[in-house]
């Protein structure tokens, strides 16, 4: 099973840039490329350099296709036969060549959930309950009356889509890659009377559960910084001007919103003996992404700590003692 993680946060918190950084780590550690399946409408411009270099191989999910069956096939390790082109009768799914692929990025959980909910409503799918009554309205198009049908989601659709999302995520992290990275938007919810913020998905039931499905859970939080820049005024003169810039921190530990007291879900996937050392590398429980790096540096730090833990003198001595004990036990068994 692949290592996995999710970066969630508001739009504009550099999640696609994090995928670009992620592909560099995949290339360094495996020598392979990264697949990018994008359900978000914003595209992958922030990772266009890596796409052009072949380090990232992207595909955009088309909401006009049957999304449930299509997403499932992607999660099972299939990719369009002609990469970069839409799926069609002449461009069907084919098995991924894992000799060339070392990482998988899925952008994002929130958009896939909305896409599946919209599909259930548009098709008025019956998922264990009665379908809802559609609303039909007429409009003139090219001198002809066209009927448009509108349908809302039933209660059963929420449980159905939540179960499908769980299955899809489990499929992705079962693929033979080094790491599977998801992105998502954030959503506020209440748990035991406490305001919390987690990964946005249809309904409320699975929002606090999604972090348990994956390894690293990283929250991308924006914050404002006042700074002075130089601009040209109406006379063409260079003058100083104060502006408010938006920066971002990537938290790998649970943290509070100082304004509202909301608790943001976050957790690292690091060996227990090295959790304190991770905070020495990234004080405050966060790291700051830049154009040159961010999530890749986090993964490198986790890798180094895991290697250090595996090679610790304490564990080596335990293994040595167990080898001796097992060796004696084996000889005794042979004597019998």
Protein backbone atom coordinates (compact mmCIF):
# COMPACT_ATOMS: atom_id res chain seq x y z
CA UNK A 1 0.00 0.00 0.00
CA UNK A 2 1.31 3.44 -0.93
CA UNK A 3 2.09 6.16 1.54
CA UNK A 4 -0.60 8.79 1.29
CA UNK A 5 -1.57 12.27 2.33
CA UNK A 6 -4.01 15.10 1.72
CA UNK A 7 -3.42 18.84 1.52
CA UNK A 8 -6.62 20.78 2.11
CA UNK A 9 -7.36 24.47 2.27
CA UNK A 10 -9.05 27.39 0.54
CA UNK A 11 -8.69 28.23 -3.14
CA UNK A 12 -5.38 29.93 -3.84
CA UNK A 13 -3.42 28.15 -1.10
CA UNK A 14 -0.89 26.76 -3.61
CA UNK A 15 -2.18 23.18 -3.60
CA UNK A 16 -1.36 22.68 -7.30
CA UNK A 17 2.10 24.12 -6.64
CA UNK A 18 2.46 21.51 -3.90
CA UNK A 19 1.75 18.83 -6.53
CA UNK A 20 4.55 20.28 -8.66
CA UNK A 21 6.91 20.07 -5.68
CA UNK A 22 5.64 16.55 -4.94
CA UNK A 23 6.58 15.41 -8.45
CA UNK A 24 10.18 16.49 -7.83
CA UNK A 25 10.33 14.31 -4.70
CA UNK A 26 8.85 11.39 -6.66
CA UNK A 27 11.45 11.85 -9.42
CA UNK A 28 14.30 12.00 -6.89
CA UNK A 29 13.22 8.96 -4.88
CA UNK A 30 11.90 6.68 -7.64
CA UNK A 31 13.27 8.09 -10.91
CA UNK A 32 9.71 8.02 -12.28
CA UNK A 33 6.94 10.41 -13.32
CA UNK A 34 3.77 11.43 -11.46
CA UNK A 35 0.19 10.99 -12.67
CA UNK A 36 -2.16 13.92 -12.00
CA UNK A 37 -5.90 13.33 -12.11
CA UNK A 38 -7.65 16.70 -11.81
CA UNK A 39 -11.31 17.10 -10.92
CA UNK A 40 -10.90 20.80 -10.10
CA UNK A 41 -11.78 23.36 -12.73
CA UNK A 42 -8.70 25.52 -12.24
CA UNK A 43 -6.37 23.34 -14.27
CA UNK A 44 -2.67 22.71 -13.61
CA UNK A 45 -1.03 25.94 -14.78
CA UNK A 46 1.01 26.13 -11.56
CA UNK A 47 2.62 22.80 -12.53
CA UNK A 48 2.92 23.50 -16.26
CA UNK A 49 6.74 23.39 -16.21
CA UNK A 50 6.69 19.87 -14.78
CA UNK A 51 3.96 18.86 -17.25
CA UNK A 52 5.99 20.12 -20.22
CA UNK A 53 9.06 18.28 -18.94
CA UNK A 54 7.11 15.02 -18.66
CA UNK A 55 7.59 14.88 -14.90
CA UNK A 56 3.80 15.14 -14.46
CA UNK A 57 1.31 13.41 -16.76
CA UNK A 58 -2.08 15.10 -16.26
CA UNK A 59 -5.66 14.27 -17.13
CA UNK A 60 -8.79 16.29 -16.39
CA UNK A 61 -11.96 14.51 -15.32
CA UNK A 62 -14.79 15.40 -17.69
CA UNK A 63 -18.02 15.86 -15.68
CA UNK A 64 -20.05 15.10 -18.81
CA UNK A 65 -18.86 11.47 -18.76
CA UNK A 66 -20.28 8.89 -16.35
CA UNK A 67 -18.11 10.02 -13.42
CA UNK A 68 -18.60 7.12 -10.99
CA UNK A 69 -17.46 4.38 -13.38
CA UNK A 70 -14.70 6.58 -14.82
CA UNK A 71 -13.27 7.59 -11.43
CA UNK A 72 -13.36 3.97 -10.27
CA UNK A 73 -11.30 2.84 -13.28
CA UNK A 74 -8.73 5.57 -12.63
CA UNK A 75 -8.53 4.45 -8.99
CA UNK A 76 -7.99 0.85 -10.10
CA UNK A 77 -4.87 1.76 -12.07
CA UNK A 78 -6.11 2.60 -15.56
CA UNK A 79 -5.27 5.62 -17.73
CA UNK A 80 -6.39 6.84 -21.19
CA UNK A 81 -4.58 4.94 -23.94
CA UNK A 82 -3.61 8.23 -25.60
CA UNK A 83 -2.44 10.39 -22.72
CA UNK A 84 -3.57 14.00 -22.80
CA UNK A 85 -6.65 13.28 -24.91
CA UNK A 86 -10.26 12.88 -23.65
CA UNK A 87 -11.63 9.42 -23.04
CA UNK A 88 -13.65 8.12 -25.98
CA UNK A 89 -14.43 4.99 -27.98
CA UNK A 90 -11.12 5.49 -29.80
CA UNK A 91 -9.24 6.42 -26.62
CA UNK A 92 -10.25 3.79 -24.04
CA UNK A 93 -8.72 2.96 -20.69
CA UNK A 94 -5.56 0.87 -20.58
CA UNK A 95 -3.48 -0.38 -17.65
CA UNK A 96 -0.85 2.02 -16.33
CA UNK A 97 2.78 1.06 -16.90
CA UNK A 98 4.04 1.29 -13.32
CA UNK A 99 7.65 0.99 -14.49
CA UNK A 100 7.25 4.65 -15.53
CA UNK A 101 5.05 5.98 -12.70
CA UNK A 102 6.19 6.50 -9.10
CA UNK A 103 3.57 8.87 -7.69
CA UNK A 104 -0.10 9.75 -8.05
CA UNK A 105 -1.78 13.10 -7.35
CA UNK A 106 -5.58 13.38 -7.18
CA UNK A 107 -7.01 16.89 -7.29
CA UNK A 108 -9.32 16.81 -5.44
CA UNK A 109 -11.59 14.92 -3.03
CA UNK A 110 -14.07 17.79 -2.68
CA UNK A 111 -14.60 18.21 -6.42
CA UNK A 112 -15.03 14.48 -6.97
CA UNK A 113 -17.67 14.37 -4.25
CA UNK A 114 -19.59 17.26 -5.79
CA UNK A 115 -19.28 15.69 -9.23
CA UNK A 116 -20.73 12.41 -7.99
CA UNK A 117 -23.56 14.18 -6.15
CA UNK A 118 -24.43 16.15 -9.29
CA UNK A 119 -24.40 12.94 -11.33
CA UNK A 120 -26.79 11.23 -8.86
CA UNK A 121 -29.19 14.18 -9.08
CA UNK A 122 -29.01 14.63 -12.86
CA UNK A 123 -29.68 10.94 -13.47
CA UNK A 124 -32.19 10.78 -10.58
CA UNK A 125 -30.44 7.64 -9.37
CA UNK A 126 -32.29 5.50 -6.86
CA UNK A 127 -29.76 4.40 -4.26
CA UNK A 128 -32.06 2.51 -1.93
CA UNK A 129 -34.88 5.06 -1.70
CA UNK A 130 -37.53 6.66 -3.83
CA UNK A 131 -36.28 9.12 -6.42
CA UNK A 132 -37.10 12.80 -6.07
CA UNK A 133 -39.61 14.60 -8.30
CA UNK A 134 -37.81 16.44 -11.12
CA UNK A 135 -38.62 20.05 -12.05
CA UNK A 136 -39.05 20.71 -15.77
CA UNK A 137 -38.94 24.13 -17.43
CA UNK A 138 -39.19 25.16 -21.08
CA UNK A 139 -37.06 27.62 -23.02
CA UNK A 140 -36.91 28.65 -26.69
CA UNK A 141 -33.71 27.74 -28.58
CA UNK A 142 -33.47 28.37 -32.36
CA UNK A 143 -37.27 28.70 -32.68
CA UNK A 144 -37.81 25.41 -30.89
CA UNK A 145 -39.04 24.64 -27.39
CA UNK A 146 -36.43 22.83 -25.34
CA UNK A 147 -37.16 21.22 -22.00
CA UNK A 148 -34.62 21.54 -19.21
CA UNK A 149 -34.91 19.15 -16.25
CA UNK A 150 -33.66 19.97 -12.75
CA UNK A 151 -33.39 17.47 -9.89
CA UNK A 152 -32.10 17.77 -6.35
CA UNK A 153 -30.25 15.12 -4.36
CA UNK A 154 -32.14 12.66 -2.20
CA UNK A 155 -31.00 11.75 1.31
CA UNK A 156 -29.78 8.38 0.08
CA UNK A 157 -27.37 10.04 -2.35
CA UNK A 158 -25.23 11.35 0.52
CA UNK A 159 -24.56 7.94 2.05
CA UNK A 160 -24.06 6.43 -1.39
CA UNK A 161 -21.48 9.03 -2.47
CA UNK A 162 -19.69 8.92 0.89
CA UNK A 163 -19.27 5.15 0.59
CA UNK A 164 -18.04 5.51 -2.99
CA UNK A 165 -15.48 8.17 -1.98
CA UNK A 166 -14.09 5.87 0.70
CA UNK A 167 -13.80 3.03 -1.80
CA UNK A 168 -12.14 5.30 -4.37
CA UNK A 169 -9.57 6.65 -1.90
CA UNK A 170 -8.73 3.13 -0.72
CA UNK A 171 -8.26 2.03 -4.33
CA UNK A 172 -5.88 4.90 -5.07
CA UNK A 173 -3.66 4.26 -2.06
CA UNK A 174 -3.53 0.56 -2.96
CA UNK A 175 -1.82 1.34 -6.27
CA UNK A 176 1.87 0.36 -6.64
CA UNK A 177 3.29 3.88 -6.26
CA UNK A 178 5.55 5.42 -3.66
CA UNK A 179 3.01 8.02 -2.50
CA UNK A 180 -0.56 9.05 -3.36
CA UNK A 181 -1.32 12.73 -2.73
CA UNK A 182 -4.86 14.11 -2.56
CA UNK A 183 -6.01 17.72 -2.38
CA UNK A 184 -9.31 19.09 -1.09
CA UNK A 185 -11.10 22.21 0.07
CA UNK A 186 -11.91 22.93 3.71
CA UNK A 187 -15.24 22.85 5.53
CA UNK A 188 -16.34 23.97 8.99
CA UNK A 189 -18.34 21.54 11.10
CA UNK A 190 -19.28 20.97 14.74
CA UNK A 191 -18.10 17.93 16.67
CA UNK A 192 -19.21 17.50 20.30
CA UNK A 193 -20.13 21.16 20.40
CA UNK A 194 -16.68 22.30 19.21
CA UNK A 195 -16.15 24.20 15.97
CA UNK A 196 -13.73 22.34 13.73
CA UNK A 197 -12.40 22.60 10.18
CA UNK A 198 -11.71 19.56 8.05
CA UNK A 199 -11.71 18.15 4.53
CA UNK A 200 -14.82 19.19 2.63
CA UNK A 201 -17.02 16.36 1.33
CA UNK A 202 -20.74 15.81 0.71
CA UNK A 203 -22.68 15.77 3.99
CA UNK A 204 -21.24 15.85 7.50
CA UNK A 205 -20.76 12.19 8.40
CA UNK A 206 -17.37 11.54 6.81
CA UNK A 207 -15.66 14.94 7.19
CA UNK A 208 -13.97 13.99 10.50
CA UNK A 209 -13.24 10.48 9.17
CA UNK A 210 -11.33 11.32 5.99
CA UNK A 211 -8.03 12.04 7.82
CA UNK A 212 -8.17 8.46 9.13
CA UNK A 213 -8.20 7.15 5.56
CA UNK A 214 -4.82 8.64 4.68
CA UNK A 215 -1.41 9.25 6.23
CA UNK A 216 -0.31 12.89 6.28
CA UNK A 217 -3.09 15.45 6.70
CA UNK A 218 -1.82 18.95 5.89
CA UNK A 219 -3.89 22.08 6.35
CA UNK A 220 -3.04 25.03 4.11
CA UNK A 221 -3.94 28.22 5.97
CA UNK A 222 -3.82 31.69 4.49
CA UNK A 223 -2.76 34.70 6.53
CA UNK A 224 -2.35 38.39 5.76
CA UNK A 225 0.91 40.32 5.79
CA UNK A 226 1.27 44.09 5.46
CA UNK A 227 4.24 45.13 3.38
CA UNK A 228 5.54 48.13 1.48
CA UNK A 229 6.15 47.87 -2.26
CA UNK A 230 7.25 50.34 -4.91
CA UNK A 231 4.69 51.32 -7.56
CA UNK A 232 4.33 54.01 -10.22
CA UNK A 233 1.85 56.79 -9.54
CA UNK A 234 -0.19 58.67 -12.14
CA UNK A 235 2.84 60.84 -12.91
CA UNK A 236 5.01 57.82 -13.62
CA UNK A 237 7.05 58.34 -10.46
CA UNK A 238 8.19 55.44 -8.28
CA UNK A 239 6.59 55.77 -4.85
CA UNK A 240 6.18 53.43 -1.83
CA UNK A 241 2.75 51.97 -1.16
CA UNK A 242 1.45 49.74 1.59
CA UNK A 243 -0.40 46.62 0.48
CA UNK A 244 -1.77 43.51 2.14
CA UNK A 245 -0.31 40.28 0.75
CA UNK A 246 -1.65 36.77 1.26
CA UNK A 247 0.83 34.18 2.49
CA UNK A 248 0.30 30.55 3.36
CA UNK A 249 1.43 28.10 6.01
CA UNK A 250 1.11 24.32 5.72
CA UNK A 251 0.27 22.88 9.14
CA UNK A 252 1.05 19.22 9.85
CA UNK A 253 -0.30 19.46 13.43
CA UNK A 254 -3.74 20.34 14.72
CA UNK A 255 -3.98 24.05 15.41
CA UNK A 256 -6.46 26.75 16.43
CA UNK A 257 -7.88 29.68 14.52
CA UNK A 258 -6.97 32.61 16.79
CA UNK A 259 -10.05 34.56 15.65
CA UNK A 260 -12.77 31.89 15.99
CA UNK A 261 -11.17 29.19 18.13
CA UNK A 262 -11.93 26.60 15.45
CA UNK A 263 -9.74 23.47 15.51
CA UNK A 264 -8.12 22.57 12.18
CA UNK A 265 -7.57 18.87 11.46
CA UNK A 266 -3.95 17.98 10.68
CA UNK A 267 -1.51 15.16 11.46
CA UNK A 268 1.90 13.92 10.29
CA UNK A 269 2.72 10.35 9.36
CA UNK A 270 6.05 10.09 11.13
CA UNK A 271 7.43 7.44 13.45
CA UNK A 272 6.48 8.11 17.07
CA UNK A 273 10.07 8.39 18.26
CA UNK A 274 10.76 11.20 15.78
CA UNK A 275 7.61 13.32 16.22
CA UNK A 276 9.44 15.81 18.45
CA UNK A 277 12.37 16.01 16.03
CA UNK A 278 10.00 16.84 13.16
CA UNK A 279 8.95 19.94 15.06
CA UNK A 280 12.60 20.87 15.47
CA UNK A 281 12.90 20.80 11.68
CA UNK A 282 9.63 22.73 11.22
CA UNK A 283 9.03 24.75 14.41
CA UNK A 284 5.44 25.68 15.22
CA UNK A 285 3.97 22.62 13.53
CA UNK A 286 4.04 24.12 10.03
CA UNK A 287 6.24 24.77 7.00
CA UNK A 288 6.01 27.62 4.51
CA UNK A 289 5.73 26.76 0.81
CA UNK A 290 7.73 28.88 -1.63
CA UNK A 291 8.03 28.81 -5.43
CA UNK A 292 11.11 26.60 -4.99
CA UNK A 293 9.82 24.04 -2.53
CA UNK A 294 7.42 23.11 0.24
CA UNK A 295 5.70 19.73 0.44
CA UNK A 296 8.73 18.03 -1.11
CA UNK A 297 10.91 19.38 1.71
CA UNK A 298 8.43 18.03 4.24
CA UNK A 299 8.60 14.57 2.66
CA UNK A 300 12.40 14.67 2.61
CA UNK A 301 12.43 15.52 6.33
CA UNK A 302 10.02 12.67 7.14
CA UNK A 303 12.12 10.26 5.07
CA UNK A 304 15.30 11.27 6.88
CA UNK A 305 13.70 10.87 10.30
CA UNK A 306 12.25 7.47 9.39
CA UNK A 307 15.66 6.26 8.18
CA UNK A 308 17.31 7.56 11.32
CA UNK A 309 14.74 5.77 13.49
CA UNK A 310 15.20 2.48 11.63
CA UNK A 311 18.98 2.68 12.09
CA UNK A 312 18.91 3.71 15.76
CA UNK A 313 21.23 1.83 18.15
CA UNK A 314 18.29 0.95 20.40
CA UNK A 315 16.41 -0.86 17.64
CA UNK A 316 19.57 -2.53 16.33
CA UNK A 317 20.29 -3.94 19.77
CA UNK A 318 16.71 -5.23 20.07
CA UNK A 319 17.03 -6.94 16.70
CA UNK A 320 20.37 -8.46 17.68
CA UNK A 321 18.91 -9.89 20.86
CA UNK A 322 15.90 -11.28 18.98
CA UNK A 323 18.17 -12.88 16.36
CA UNK A 324 20.14 -14.57 19.12
CA UNK A 325 16.98 -15.72 20.89
CA UNK A 326 15.38 -17.00 17.68
CA UNK A 327 18.59 -18.71 16.67
CA UNK A 328 18.74 -20.63 19.96
CA UNK A 329 15.06 -21.49 19.68
CA UNK A 330 15.63 -22.83 16.17
CA UNK A 331 18.53 -25.06 17.26
CA UNK A 332 16.52 -26.42 20.16
CA UNK A 333 13.65 -27.25 17.83
CA UNK A 334 16.02 -29.06 15.45
CA UNK A 335 17.45 -31.11 18.31
CA UNK A 336 13.97 -32.41 19.10
